[in-house]
N, C-alpha and C. Protein backbone atom coordinates (compact mmCIF):
# COMPACT_ATOMS: atom_id res chain seq x y z
N MET A 1 130.09 93.90 82.69
CA MET A 1 128.74 93.64 83.43
C MET A 1 129.03 93.89 84.83
N GLY A 2 128.04 94.80 85.39
CA GLY A 2 128.17 95.03 86.96
C GLY A 2 127.67 93.93 87.85
N ALA A 3 128.27 93.87 89.12
CA ALA A 3 127.68 92.78 90.01
C ALA A 3 126.38 93.15 90.66
N LYS A 4 125.80 92.20 90.83
CA LYS A 4 124.31 92.63 91.46
C LYS A 4 124.56 92.93 92.91
N LYS A 5 123.80 94.17 93.12
CA LYS A 5 123.88 94.65 94.54
C LYS A 5 123.36 93.77 95.61
N GLU A 6 124.25 93.54 96.63
CA GLU A 6 123.70 92.64 97.66
C GLU A 6 123.03 93.61 98.55
N THR A 7 121.85 92.98 99.29
CA THR A 7 121.26 93.56 100.36
C THR A 7 120.62 92.46 101.54
N SER A 8 120.68 93.12 102.66
CA SER A 8 120.29 92.24 103.72
C SER A 8 119.02 92.79 104.23
N ASN A 9 118.29 93.64 103.39
CA ASN A 9 117.07 94.27 103.77
C ASN A 9 115.83 93.30 103.40
N ALA A 10 115.19 92.76 104.51
CA ALA A 10 114.22 91.66 104.16
C ALA A 10 113.11 92.24 103.35
N VAL A 11 112.80 93.37 103.50
CA VAL A 11 111.64 93.78 102.68
C VAL A 11 112.03 94.06 101.23
N GLU A 12 113.15 94.51 100.90
CA GLU A 12 113.61 94.48 99.64
C GLU A 12 113.82 93.15 98.98
N ILE A 13 114.46 92.22 99.69
CA ILE A 13 114.58 90.84 99.29
C ILE A 13 113.13 90.27 98.97
N VAL A 14 111.98 90.44 99.80
CA VAL A 14 110.64 89.78 99.56
C VAL A 14 110.11 90.52 98.34
N HIS A 15 110.29 91.97 98.35
CA HIS A 15 109.77 92.55 97.26
C HIS A 15 110.35 92.28 95.92
N ARG A 16 111.55 92.02 95.77
CA ARG A 16 112.28 91.59 94.61
C ARG A 16 111.92 90.24 94.14
N ARG A 17 111.71 89.35 95.25
CA ARG A 17 111.32 87.94 94.92
C ARG A 17 109.93 87.62 94.56
N TYR A 18 108.97 88.38 95.11
CA TYR A 18 107.61 88.10 94.97
C TYR A 18 106.74 89.16 94.26
N ILE A 19 107.11 90.45 94.31
CA ILE A 19 106.41 91.36 93.71
C ILE A 19 106.87 91.78 92.29
N LYS A 20 108.29 91.83 92.26
CA LYS A 20 108.96 92.34 90.95
C LYS A 20 108.22 93.44 90.23
N ASP A 21 107.96 93.30 88.87
CA ASP A 21 107.21 94.21 88.10
C ASP A 21 105.71 93.90 87.83
N ASP A 22 105.19 92.78 88.66
CA ASP A 22 103.84 92.37 88.31
C ASP A 22 102.87 93.29 88.83
N PRO A 23 102.09 93.77 87.80
CA PRO A 23 101.17 94.81 88.04
C PRO A 23 99.99 94.35 89.00
N GLU A 24 99.71 93.09 88.92
CA GLU A 24 98.40 92.56 89.90
C GLU A 24 98.99 92.39 91.41
N ARG A 25 100.32 92.16 91.42
CA ARG A 25 100.84 91.95 92.72
C ARG A 25 101.10 93.25 93.53
N LYS A 26 101.69 94.42 92.51
CA LYS A 26 101.78 95.59 93.06
C LYS A 26 100.35 96.26 93.48
N ALA A 27 99.41 96.02 92.89
CA ALA A 27 98.11 96.62 93.14
C ALA A 27 97.69 95.89 94.39
N ALA A 28 97.79 94.46 94.60
CA ALA A 28 97.27 93.74 95.85
C ALA A 28 98.30 94.31 96.84
N LEU A 29 99.52 94.78 96.98
CA LEU A 29 100.25 95.29 97.86
C LEU A 29 99.91 96.68 98.32
N GLU A 30 99.51 97.62 97.29
CA GLU A 30 98.98 98.77 97.63
C GLU A 30 97.59 98.68 98.38
N ALA A 31 96.69 97.75 97.91
CA ALA A 31 95.41 97.57 98.64
C ALA A 31 95.82 97.24 100.04
N GLU A 32 96.64 96.26 100.42
CA GLU A 32 96.88 95.91 101.70
C GLU A 32 97.51 96.95 102.55
N ARG A 33 98.23 97.78 101.92
CA ARG A 33 98.89 98.99 102.55
C ARG A 33 97.81 100.06 102.95
N ALA A 34 96.89 100.17 101.96
CA ALA A 34 95.67 101.16 102.28
C ALA A 34 94.85 100.64 103.36
N ASN A 35 94.48 99.33 103.45
CA ASN A 35 93.74 98.69 104.54
C ASN A 35 94.61 98.77 105.81
N ALA A 36 95.71 98.56 105.82
CA ALA A 36 96.39 98.69 107.25
C ALA A 36 96.58 100.04 107.53
N HIS A 37 96.68 101.15 106.65
CA HIS A 37 96.85 102.57 107.01
C HIS A 37 95.35 102.97 107.84
N VAL A 38 94.45 102.53 107.20
CA VAL A 38 93.06 103.14 107.62
C VAL A 38 92.93 102.43 109.09
N ALA A 39 93.01 101.12 109.22
CA ALA A 39 92.83 100.39 110.34
C ALA A 39 93.72 101.01 111.47
N LEU A 40 95.09 101.38 111.40
CA LEU A 40 95.88 101.71 112.29
C LEU A 40 95.44 103.39 112.63
N MET A 41 95.02 104.06 111.52
CA MET A 41 94.53 105.49 111.90
C MET A 41 93.30 105.44 112.79
N ILE A 42 92.41 104.38 112.65
CA ILE A 42 91.12 104.41 113.39
C ILE A 42 91.46 104.04 114.83
N HIS A 43 92.48 102.88 114.98
CA HIS A 43 92.99 102.65 116.25
C HIS A 43 93.46 103.75 116.89
N ASP A 44 94.42 104.45 116.25
CA ASP A 44 95.33 105.66 116.84
C ASP A 44 94.26 106.66 117.26
N LEU A 45 93.39 107.16 116.51
CA LEU A 45 92.48 108.06 116.97
C LEU A 45 91.70 107.80 118.05
N ARG A 46 91.21 106.43 118.09
CA ARG A 46 90.21 106.05 119.22
C ARG A 46 91.16 106.21 120.39
N VAL A 47 92.33 105.58 120.38
CA VAL A 47 93.20 105.49 121.73
C VAL A 47 93.68 106.88 122.15
N ASN A 48 93.89 107.81 121.15
CA ASN A 48 94.35 109.18 121.71
C ASN A 48 93.20 109.90 122.23
N ALA A 49 91.78 109.40 121.75
CA ALA A 49 90.59 110.03 122.51
C ALA A 49 90.30 109.46 123.71
N GLY A 50 91.06 108.43 124.16
CA GLY A 50 90.81 107.83 125.32
C GLY A 50 89.50 107.02 125.53
N LEU A 51 89.06 106.37 124.32
CA LEU A 51 88.00 105.47 124.14
C LEU A 51 88.33 104.10 123.92
N SER A 52 87.51 103.36 124.46
CA SER A 52 87.57 101.84 124.31
C SER A 52 86.86 101.56 123.18
N GLN A 53 86.91 100.31 122.59
CA GLN A 53 86.08 100.03 121.31
C GLN A 53 84.65 100.24 121.47
N LYS A 54 84.31 99.60 122.72
CA LYS A 54 82.75 99.63 122.86
C LYS A 54 82.34 101.12 123.02
N GLU A 55 83.20 102.17 123.69
CA GLU A 55 82.79 103.52 123.69
C GLU A 55 82.50 104.14 122.39
N LEU A 56 83.60 103.92 121.50
CA LEU A 56 83.39 104.39 120.17
C LEU A 56 82.31 103.77 119.25
N ALA A 57 82.07 102.46 119.63
CA ALA A 57 80.95 101.94 118.99
C ALA A 57 79.47 102.51 119.21
N GLU A 58 79.47 102.62 120.66
CA GLU A 58 78.18 103.46 121.00
C GLU A 58 78.04 104.94 120.55
N LEU A 59 79.12 105.56 120.35
CA LEU A 59 79.10 107.00 119.91
C LEU A 59 78.54 106.92 118.39
N ILE A 60 78.85 105.86 117.64
CA ILE A 60 78.58 105.89 116.27
C ILE A 60 77.33 104.89 116.00
N GLY A 61 76.92 104.39 117.04
CA GLY A 61 75.64 103.41 116.69
C GLY A 61 75.95 101.96 116.19
N THR A 62 76.88 101.47 116.64
CA THR A 62 77.25 100.16 116.00
C THR A 62 77.77 99.35 117.29
N THR A 63 78.59 98.10 116.97
CA THR A 63 78.98 97.23 118.21
C THR A 63 80.39 97.31 118.08
N GLN A 64 80.98 96.79 119.40
CA GLN A 64 82.32 96.69 119.57
C GLN A 64 82.98 95.92 118.72
N SER A 65 82.29 94.79 118.07
CA SER A 65 83.08 93.96 117.23
C SER A 65 83.24 94.62 115.86
N VAL A 66 82.34 95.53 115.52
CA VAL A 66 82.46 96.20 114.21
C VAL A 66 83.64 97.09 114.14
N ILE A 67 83.84 97.85 115.46
CA ILE A 67 85.12 98.62 115.55
C ILE A 67 86.33 97.73 115.50
N SER A 68 86.34 96.55 116.30
CA SER A 68 87.23 95.61 116.14
C SER A 68 87.82 95.22 114.95
N ARG A 69 86.74 94.92 113.98
CA ARG A 69 86.90 94.54 112.68
C ARG A 69 87.60 95.68 111.86
N LEU A 70 87.07 96.98 111.89
CA LEU A 70 87.70 98.12 111.44
C LEU A 70 89.03 98.24 111.69
N GLU A 71 89.52 97.84 112.88
CA GLU A 71 90.95 98.12 113.09
C GLU A 71 91.73 96.96 112.91
N ASP A 72 91.22 95.99 112.20
CA ASP A 72 92.02 94.79 111.87
C ASP A 72 92.63 95.23 110.52
N THR A 73 94.09 95.02 110.35
CA THR A 73 94.60 95.38 109.15
C THR A 73 94.56 94.70 107.98
N ASP A 74 93.83 93.49 108.39
CA ASP A 74 93.28 92.54 107.06
C ASP A 74 91.97 92.95 106.52
N TYR A 75 91.36 93.67 107.17
CA TYR A 75 89.97 94.07 106.93
C TYR A 75 89.85 94.93 105.45
N GLU A 76 89.05 94.48 104.80
CA GLU A 76 88.98 95.14 103.31
C GLU A 76 87.70 96.01 103.19
N GLY A 77 86.75 96.11 104.06
CA GLY A 77 85.64 96.69 103.80
C GLY A 77 85.36 98.18 104.52
N HIS A 78 86.42 98.82 104.64
CA HIS A 78 86.13 100.13 105.17
C HIS A 78 85.25 101.02 103.97
N SER A 79 84.41 101.70 104.53
CA SER A 79 83.46 102.61 103.65
C SER A 79 83.41 104.02 104.10
N LEU A 80 83.29 104.93 103.16
CA LEU A 80 83.31 106.13 103.48
C LEU A 80 82.28 106.63 104.58
N SER A 81 81.08 106.25 104.41
CA SER A 81 79.92 106.42 105.53
C SER A 81 80.39 106.04 106.85
N MET A 82 81.25 104.75 107.03
CA MET A 82 81.50 104.68 108.37
C MET A 82 82.79 105.44 108.81
N LEU A 83 83.48 105.54 107.86
CA LEU A 83 84.87 106.59 108.28
C LEU A 83 84.24 108.05 108.66
N THR A 84 83.17 108.43 107.88
CA THR A 84 82.60 109.82 108.18
C THR A 84 81.96 109.66 109.58
N ARG A 85 81.30 108.85 109.94
CA ARG A 85 80.76 108.62 111.31
C ARG A 85 81.85 108.51 112.36
N ILE A 86 82.83 107.71 112.24
CA ILE A 86 84.03 107.73 113.10
C ILE A 86 84.61 109.37 113.34
N ALA A 87 84.99 109.91 112.16
CA ALA A 87 85.48 111.26 112.13
C ALA A 87 84.67 112.04 112.88
N LYS A 88 83.42 112.23 112.72
CA LYS A 88 82.39 112.95 113.48
C LYS A 88 82.51 112.71 114.92
N ALA A 89 82.40 111.40 115.30
CA ALA A 89 82.48 110.93 116.57
C ALA A 89 83.75 111.45 117.45
N LEU A 90 85.02 111.55 116.63
CA LEU A 90 86.21 111.89 117.22
C LEU A 90 86.60 113.29 116.99
N ASN A 91 85.62 114.06 116.61
CA ASN A 91 86.10 115.47 116.25
C ASN A 91 87.18 115.63 115.25
N GLN A 92 87.03 114.86 114.12
CA GLN A 92 87.96 114.86 113.07
C GLN A 92 87.33 115.36 111.90
N LYS A 93 88.25 115.66 110.85
CA LYS A 93 87.62 115.89 109.57
C LYS A 93 88.31 114.92 108.50
N LEU A 94 87.29 114.23 107.72
CA LEU A 94 87.72 113.10 106.85
C LEU A 94 88.02 113.90 105.68
N THR A 95 89.33 113.41 104.96
CA THR A 95 89.73 113.98 103.96
C THR A 95 90.13 112.68 102.88
N VAL A 96 89.61 112.71 101.53
CA VAL A 96 90.08 111.91 100.78
C VAL A 96 90.84 112.49 99.67
N VAL A 97 92.16 111.84 99.39
CA VAL A 97 92.91 112.44 98.45
C VAL A 97 93.49 111.19 97.44
N MET A 98 93.46 111.61 96.06
CA MET A 98 93.76 110.81 95.20
C MET A 98 95.18 111.36 94.56
N THR A 99 96.23 110.75 94.59
CA THR A 99 97.51 111.10 93.77
C THR A 99 97.83 110.30 92.77
N ALA A 100 98.59 110.75 91.78
CA ALA A 100 98.97 110.01 90.61
C ALA A 100 100.12 108.96 91.12
N LYS A 101 100.02 107.95 90.29
CA LYS A 101 101.14 106.78 90.73
C LYS A 101 102.48 107.24 89.92
N ASP A 102 102.33 107.90 88.78
CA ASP A 102 103.26 108.25 88.04
C ASP A 102 102.97 109.56 87.59
N GLN A 103 103.86 110.24 86.66
CA GLN A 103 103.59 111.58 86.16
C GLN A 103 102.97 111.53 84.76
N ARG A 104 102.64 110.25 84.06
CA ARG A 104 102.10 110.19 82.91
C ARG A 104 100.40 109.91 83.20
N PRO A 105 99.65 110.81 82.60
CA PRO A 105 98.25 110.81 82.87
C PRO A 105 97.83 109.52 81.94
N ARG A 106 96.73 108.88 82.36
CA ARG A 106 96.04 107.87 81.59
C ARG A 106 95.27 108.43 80.44
N ARG A 107 95.05 107.68 79.40
CA ARG A 107 94.35 108.31 78.17
C ARG A 107 93.36 107.04 77.85
C-alpha cells in the first residue's frame, strides 16, 4: 500500500477536505468561479477604460450601485443583457462559450 502524498498547498487541502467528489459541491464551486470571473472582468475592463463606476453606469443607463454589485465576486445575478450593454459601452465584443466538462457526451 502506497503512502498518502503530503501537500502543503492550502487549496488542495481545502478541496480534498470539503469538495471531494461531491457533485453538488463541485457545481457550487464552479458557479462561484464563474461569478468571480465575470465580476473581475467587468472591473478590469472598466478600470482599463479609465472609467469610474459612476461613469460606466451613466454610459449604460444605470446607477453606480448596480455597477458595484456587478463587480462584487459574490454577486450571482449577471445577465446577458447587462453584459451586452457593458460590452457595447466599453467597445468590447461579448462572446459566450460552452465547453464540455468531460469527453463523454450526455444522453
